[in-house]
Amino acid sequence: MATKVWRPQPLHITILEILEKKNSLTDVELLEMLRNTYGYKDISFNELNKTIMRMEITGLILVSSLTKGKRLIQLAKK
């Protein structure tokens, strides 16, 4: 049985930091950046989708469709 280890920083905070630096990214670019740069090696696309959905509902980010299966994620303007 695999045990879950708590991350040093919540995923949604890391996503906000990335979007503050980059302004906008596709979901695939964001996933790759999280895996390679920020050490979230075990993150799944499903987990990323759930986090993005929660962030969009709370008004932190804006998500728009680019093409089939590709979304643009932007930081919401305050």
N, C-alpha and C. Protein backbone atom coordinates (compact mmCIF):
# COMPACT_ATOMS: atom_id res chain seq x y z
N MET A 1 0.84 -1.18 0.00
CA MET A 1 0.00 0.00 0.00
C MET A 1 0.88 1.24 0.00
N ALA A 2 0.65 2.11 -0.94
CA ALA A 2 1.43 3.34 -1.04
C ALA A 2 0.93 4.37 -0.03
N THR A 3 1.87 5.00 0.61
CA THR A 3 1.49 6.04 1.57
C THR A 3 1.65 7.40 0.92
N LYS A 4 0.73 8.30 1.24
CA LYS A 4 0.80 9.64 0.69
C LYS A 4 1.66 10.50 1.58
N VAL A 5 2.55 11.24 0.97
CA VAL A 5 3.41 12.15 1.70
C VAL A 5 2.92 13.57 1.44
N TRP A 6 2.81 14.34 2.49
CA TRP A 6 2.37 15.73 2.34
C TRP A 6 3.44 16.53 1.62
N ARG A 7 3.00 17.38 0.74
CA ARG A 7 3.92 18.25 0.03
C ARG A 7 4.29 19.43 0.93
N PRO A 8 5.47 19.99 0.72
CA PRO A 8 5.87 21.13 1.55
C PRO A 8 5.01 22.38 1.30
N GLN A 9 4.43 22.47 0.12
CA GLN A 9 3.58 23.60 -0.22
C GLN A 9 2.36 23.08 -0.98
N PRO A 10 1.16 23.58 -0.67
CA PRO A 10 -0.03 23.11 -1.38
C PRO A 10 0.07 23.36 -2.89
N LEU A 11 -0.53 22.47 -3.65
CA LEU A 11 -0.46 22.53 -5.11
C LEU A 11 -1.03 23.83 -5.66
N HIS A 12 -2.15 24.30 -5.12
CA HIS A 12 -2.76 25.51 -5.67
C HIS A 12 -1.89 26.75 -5.44
N ILE A 13 -1.13 26.79 -4.37
CA ILE A 13 -0.22 27.90 -4.14
C ILE A 13 0.92 27.89 -5.16
N THR A 14 1.43 26.71 -5.45
CA THR A 14 2.50 26.57 -6.45
C THR A 14 1.99 26.98 -7.83
N ILE A 15 0.78 26.60 -8.18
CA ILE A 15 0.19 26.98 -9.47
C ILE A 15 0.05 28.49 -9.56
N LEU A 16 -0.39 29.14 -8.48
CA LEU A 16 -0.51 30.60 -8.47
C LEU A 16 0.86 31.26 -8.66
N GLU A 17 1.89 30.74 -8.03
CA GLU A 17 3.24 31.29 -8.19
C GLU A 17 3.73 31.16 -9.63
N ILE A 18 3.46 30.02 -10.25
CA ILE A 18 3.87 29.80 -11.64
C ILE A 18 3.14 30.79 -12.55
N LEU A 19 1.84 30.95 -12.36
CA LEU A 19 1.06 31.85 -13.22
C LEU A 19 1.43 33.31 -13.00
N GLU A 20 1.88 33.68 -11.81
CA GLU A 20 2.34 35.04 -11.58
C GLU A 20 3.60 35.33 -12.39
N LYS A 21 4.45 34.31 -12.57
CA LYS A 21 5.68 34.48 -13.34
C LYS A 21 5.42 34.42 -14.85
N LYS A 22 4.57 33.47 -15.28
CA LYS A 22 4.39 33.20 -16.71
C LYS A 22 3.16 33.85 -17.34
N ASN A 23 2.22 34.32 -16.54
CA ASN A 23 0.96 34.91 -17.00
C ASN A 23 -0.05 33.89 -17.49
N SER A 24 0.29 33.07 -18.47
CA SER A 24 -0.64 32.05 -18.96
C SER A 24 0.14 30.85 -19.49
N LEU A 25 -0.46 29.68 -19.32
CA LEU A 25 0.12 28.42 -19.78
C LEU A 25 -1.00 27.48 -20.21
N THR A 26 -0.66 26.50 -21.03
CA THR A 26 -1.62 25.44 -21.32
C THR A 26 -1.56 24.45 -20.16
N ASP A 27 -2.57 23.61 -20.06
CA ASP A 27 -2.60 22.63 -18.98
C ASP A 27 -1.44 21.64 -19.06
N VAL A 28 -1.04 21.28 -20.29
CA VAL A 28 0.07 20.35 -20.49
C VAL A 28 1.39 21.01 -20.07
N GLU A 29 1.58 22.28 -20.44
CA GLU A 29 2.79 23.00 -20.04
C GLU A 29 2.87 23.13 -18.52
N LEU A 30 1.74 23.42 -17.89
CA LEU A 30 1.70 23.55 -16.44
C LEU A 30 2.05 22.23 -15.76
N LEU A 31 1.52 21.14 -16.26
CA LEU A 31 1.82 19.83 -15.68
C LEU A 31 3.31 19.51 -15.81
N GLU A 32 3.88 19.75 -16.98
CA GLU A 32 5.31 19.49 -17.18
C GLU A 32 6.17 20.37 -16.28
N MET A 33 5.77 21.63 -16.12
CA MET A 33 6.51 22.54 -15.26
C MET A 33 6.44 22.08 -13.81
N LEU A 34 5.29 21.63 -13.37
CA LEU A 34 5.15 21.14 -12.01
C LEU A 34 6.00 19.89 -11.78
N ARG A 35 6.04 19.01 -12.76
CA ARG A 35 6.80 17.77 -12.61
C ARG A 35 8.30 18.02 -12.67
N ASN A 36 8.76 18.83 -13.60
CA ASN A 36 10.20 18.99 -13.82
C ASN A 36 10.83 20.04 -12.92
N THR A 37 10.21 21.18 -12.76
CA THR A 37 10.82 22.29 -12.06
C THR A 37 10.53 22.28 -10.57
N TYR A 38 9.30 21.98 -10.20
CA TYR A 38 8.88 22.13 -8.82
C TYR A 38 8.84 20.83 -8.03
N GLY A 39 9.24 19.72 -8.61
CA GLY A 39 9.39 18.48 -7.88
C GLY A 39 8.10 17.71 -7.59
N TYR A 40 7.03 18.00 -8.28
CA TYR A 40 5.78 17.25 -8.10
C TYR A 40 5.79 16.06 -9.06
N LYS A 41 6.71 15.14 -8.85
CA LYS A 41 6.90 14.01 -9.75
C LYS A 41 5.69 13.09 -9.82
N ASP A 42 4.97 12.98 -8.71
CA ASP A 42 3.88 12.00 -8.63
C ASP A 42 2.51 12.59 -8.95
N ILE A 43 2.45 13.81 -9.43
CA ILE A 43 1.15 14.43 -9.72
C ILE A 43 0.56 13.84 -10.99
N SER A 44 -0.72 13.55 -10.94
CA SER A 44 -1.40 13.01 -12.12
C SER A 44 -2.19 14.13 -12.81
N PHE A 45 -2.56 13.89 -14.05
CA PHE A 45 -3.34 14.87 -14.80
C PHE A 45 -4.71 15.05 -14.15
N ASN A 46 -5.24 13.96 -13.59
CA ASN A 46 -6.53 14.01 -12.90
C ASN A 46 -6.46 14.92 -11.67
N GLU A 47 -5.40 14.80 -10.89
CA GLU A 47 -5.23 15.64 -9.70
C GLU A 47 -5.07 17.11 -10.10
N LEU A 48 -4.34 17.36 -11.17
CA LEU A 48 -4.18 18.73 -11.66
C LEU A 48 -5.52 19.30 -12.10
N ASN A 49 -6.32 18.50 -12.81
CA ASN A 49 -7.65 18.95 -13.25
C ASN A 49 -8.55 19.32 -12.08
N LYS A 50 -8.54 18.50 -11.03
CA LYS A 50 -9.36 18.79 -9.85
C LYS A 50 -8.94 20.09 -9.19
N THR A 51 -7.63 20.30 -9.08
CA THR A 51 -7.12 21.52 -8.46
C THR A 51 -7.46 22.74 -9.31
N ILE A 52 -7.30 22.62 -10.63
CA ILE A 52 -7.62 23.73 -11.53
C ILE A 52 -9.11 24.06 -11.45
N MET A 53 -9.96 23.04 -11.37
CA MET A 53 -11.40 23.28 -11.29
C MET A 53 -11.76 24.03 -10.00
N ARG A 54 -11.17 23.59 -8.88
CA ARG A 54 -11.42 24.29 -7.60
C ARG A 54 -10.96 25.74 -7.66
N MET A 55 -9.81 25.97 -8.29
CA MET A 55 -9.26 27.33 -8.38
C MET A 55 -10.12 28.20 -9.29
N GLU A 56 -10.67 27.61 -10.35
CA GLU A 56 -11.54 28.37 -11.25
C GLU A 56 -12.86 28.73 -10.57
N ILE A 57 -13.41 27.81 -9.82
CA ILE A 57 -14.68 28.05 -9.12
C ILE A 57 -14.52 29.16 -8.08
N THR A 58 -13.38 29.18 -7.41
CA THR A 58 -13.15 30.22 -6.39
C THR A 58 -12.71 31.55 -6.98
N GLY A 59 -12.49 31.60 -8.29
CA GLY A 59 -12.17 32.85 -8.96
C GLY A 59 -10.70 33.22 -8.97
N LEU A 60 -9.82 32.27 -8.69
CA LEU A 60 -8.39 32.56 -8.70
C LEU A 60 -7.79 32.55 -10.10
N ILE A 61 -8.32 31.68 -10.97
CA ILE A 61 -7.80 31.56 -12.33
C ILE A 61 -8.95 31.55 -13.33
N LEU A 62 -8.59 31.76 -14.58
CA LEU A 62 -9.53 31.65 -15.70
C LEU A 62 -9.04 30.54 -16.61
N VAL A 63 -9.95 29.69 -17.04
CA VAL A 63 -9.60 28.58 -17.93
C VAL A 63 -10.43 28.71 -19.20
N SER A 64 -9.77 28.70 -20.35
CA SER A 64 -10.48 28.76 -21.62
C SER A 64 -9.97 27.66 -22.53
N SER A 65 -10.83 27.22 -23.42
CA SER A 65 -10.50 26.12 -24.33
C SER A 65 -9.77 26.65 -25.55
N LEU A 66 -8.65 26.02 -25.88
CA LEU A 66 -7.90 26.38 -27.08
C LEU A 66 -8.30 25.48 -28.25
N THR A 67 -8.02 24.22 -28.11
CA THR A 67 -8.41 23.21 -29.09
C THR A 67 -8.95 22.02 -28.31
N LYS A 68 -9.37 21.01 -29.01
CA LYS A 68 -9.89 19.83 -28.34
C LYS A 68 -8.80 19.22 -27.45
N GLY A 69 -9.08 19.15 -26.17
CA GLY A 69 -8.14 18.55 -25.24
C GLY A 69 -7.05 19.46 -24.75
N LYS A 70 -7.11 20.77 -25.09
CA LYS A 70 -6.08 21.70 -24.66
C LYS A 70 -6.74 22.94 -24.09
N ARG A 71 -6.30 23.34 -22.90
CA ARG A 71 -6.89 24.51 -22.24
C ARG A 71 -5.82 25.53 -21.90
N LEU A 72 -6.21 26.79 -21.92
CA LEU A 72 -5.33 27.89 -21.53
C LEU A 72 -5.70 28.30 -20.11
N ILE A 73 -4.70 28.38 -19.24
CA ILE A 73 -4.93 28.74 -17.85
C ILE A 73 -4.26 30.08 -17.60
N GLN A 74 -5.06 31.03 -17.08
CA GLN A 74 -4.55 32.37 -16.81
C GLN A 74 -4.89 32.77 -15.39
N LEU A 75 -4.08 33.65 -14.84
CA LEU A 75 -4.34 34.20 -13.53
C LEU A 75 -5.48 35.21 -13.67
N ALA A 76 -6.47 35.15 -12.78
CA ALA A 76 -7.59 36.08 -12.84
C ALA A 76 -7.13 37.48 -12.44
N LYS A 77 -7.60 38.47 -13.13
CA LYS A 77 -7.25 39.85 -12.82
C LYS A 77 -8.02 40.28 -11.58
N LYS A 78 -7.35 41.01 -10.72
CA LYS A 78 -8.01 41.47 -9.49
C LYS A 78 -8.42 42.91 -9.65
